[in-house]
Amino acid sequence: MSASHQTLDTSGLHCPLPVLKAKKAIKRLKAGDLLTVIATDPASRIDFEHYCHVSGHSLLSATEEKDVFTYQIRIEAPESQEPSSPA
């Protein structure tokens, strides 16, 4: 079965909403699937780098063109298998 590719447009949303919407979308995806996120919040770059590092998903690319940020994320494991934060 081939990987699916989803696109999520979070233009106009501010931190932390782009990452929260992406996290929700990722829950519907499988390992190997790709998610492209479009954002206009300049802080989203730091947020997506951190989220992918913590969640174990791969941030394949992060680009900016005319104040529009595009992120390519490869899903590495289902959300439910992400490490949880210590209490």
Protein backbone atom coordinates (compact mmCIF):
# COMPACT_ATOMS: atom_id res chain seq x y z
CA MET A 1 0.00 0.00 0.00
CA SER A 2 1.42 3.41 -0.89
CA ALA A 3 1.69 6.33 1.48
CA SER A 4 -1.00 8.97 1.40
CA HIS A 5 -0.29 12.69 1.14
CA GLN A 6 -2.46 15.22 2.96
CA THR A 7 -2.29 19.02 2.89
CA LEU A 8 -3.35 21.21 5.81
CA ASP A 9 -3.72 24.97 5.33
CA THR A 10 -3.35 26.85 8.62
CA SER A 11 -2.89 30.27 7.02
CA GLY A 12 -3.98 33.09 9.31
CA LEU A 13 -3.70 31.01 12.49
CA HIS A 14 -1.21 31.94 15.20
CA CYS A 15 0.86 29.89 17.63
CA PRO A 16 0.07 27.28 18.83
CA LEU A 17 -2.86 26.57 16.48
CA PRO A 18 -0.89 25.46 13.37
CA VAL A 19 0.90 22.73 15.35
CA LEU A 20 -2.26 21.71 17.21
CA LYS A 21 -4.19 21.37 13.93
CA ALA A 22 -1.30 19.36 12.43
CA LYS A 23 -1.22 17.08 15.48
CA LYS A 24 -4.94 16.42 15.06
CA ALA A 25 -4.47 15.67 11.34
CA ILE A 26 -1.55 13.33 12.08
CA LYS A 27 -3.80 11.19 14.30
CA ARG A 28 -5.69 10.19 11.14
CA LEU A 29 -2.52 9.23 9.25
CA LYS A 30 -0.34 6.12 9.24
CA ALA A 31 3.41 5.65 9.47
CA GLY A 32 4.96 6.59 6.13
CA ASP A 33 2.23 9.06 5.19
CA LEU A 34 3.13 12.66 4.35
CA LEU A 35 1.56 15.82 5.69
CA THR A 36 2.18 19.21 4.08
CA VAL A 37 1.33 22.12 6.34
CA ILE A 38 0.95 25.68 5.05
CA ALA A 39 1.27 28.43 7.65
CA THR A 40 1.70 32.19 7.81
CA ASP A 41 2.83 32.50 11.44
CA PRO A 42 6.61 33.17 11.55
CA ALA A 43 6.84 31.34 14.89
CA SER A 44 5.54 28.16 13.26
CA ARG A 45 9.03 27.16 12.12
CA ILE A 46 10.29 26.82 15.68
CA ASP A 47 7.05 25.10 16.70
CA PHE A 48 7.19 22.49 13.93
CA GLU A 49 10.90 21.78 14.44
CA HIS A 50 10.25 21.20 18.14
CA TYR A 51 7.07 19.16 17.60
CA CYS A 52 8.75 16.83 15.10
CA HIS A 53 11.77 16.38 17.35
CA VAL A 54 9.59 15.52 20.37
CA SER A 55 7.05 13.37 18.48
CA GLY A 56 9.56 11.43 16.39
CA HIS A 57 8.05 12.46 13.06
CA SER A 58 10.46 13.63 10.34
CA LEU A 59 10.44 17.25 9.24
CA LEU A 60 11.54 16.67 5.65
CA SER A 61 11.53 20.33 4.64
CA ALA A 62 10.66 23.77 5.93
CA THR A 63 10.51 26.53 3.35
CA GLU A 64 9.42 30.16 3.27
CA GLU A 65 8.25 32.11 0.26
CA LYS A 66 6.58 35.51 0.49
CA ASP A 67 5.68 35.09 4.19
CA VAL A 68 4.15 31.66 3.59
CA PHE A 69 5.80 28.74 5.38
CA THR A 70 5.46 25.20 4.05
CA TYR A 71 6.38 22.12 6.07
CA GLN A 72 6.68 18.55 4.80
CA ILE A 73 6.30 16.02 7.60
CA ARG A 74 6.68 12.25 7.26
CA ILE A 75 4.71 10.34 9.86
CA GLU A 76 6.99 7.88 11.63
CA ALA A 77 4.62 6.33 14.17
CA PRO A 78 1.02 6.67 15.23
CA GLU A 79 0.36 9.54 17.67
CA SER A 80 -0.64 7.07 20.37
CA GLN A 81 2.89 5.68 20.39
CA GLU A 82 4.59 9.00 21.03
CA PRO A 83 6.55 9.25 24.25
CA SER A 84 4.56 10.89 26.98
CA SER A 85 5.90 13.69 29.13
CA PRO A 86 6.80 12.85 32.70
CA ALA A 87 4.20 14.00 35.20
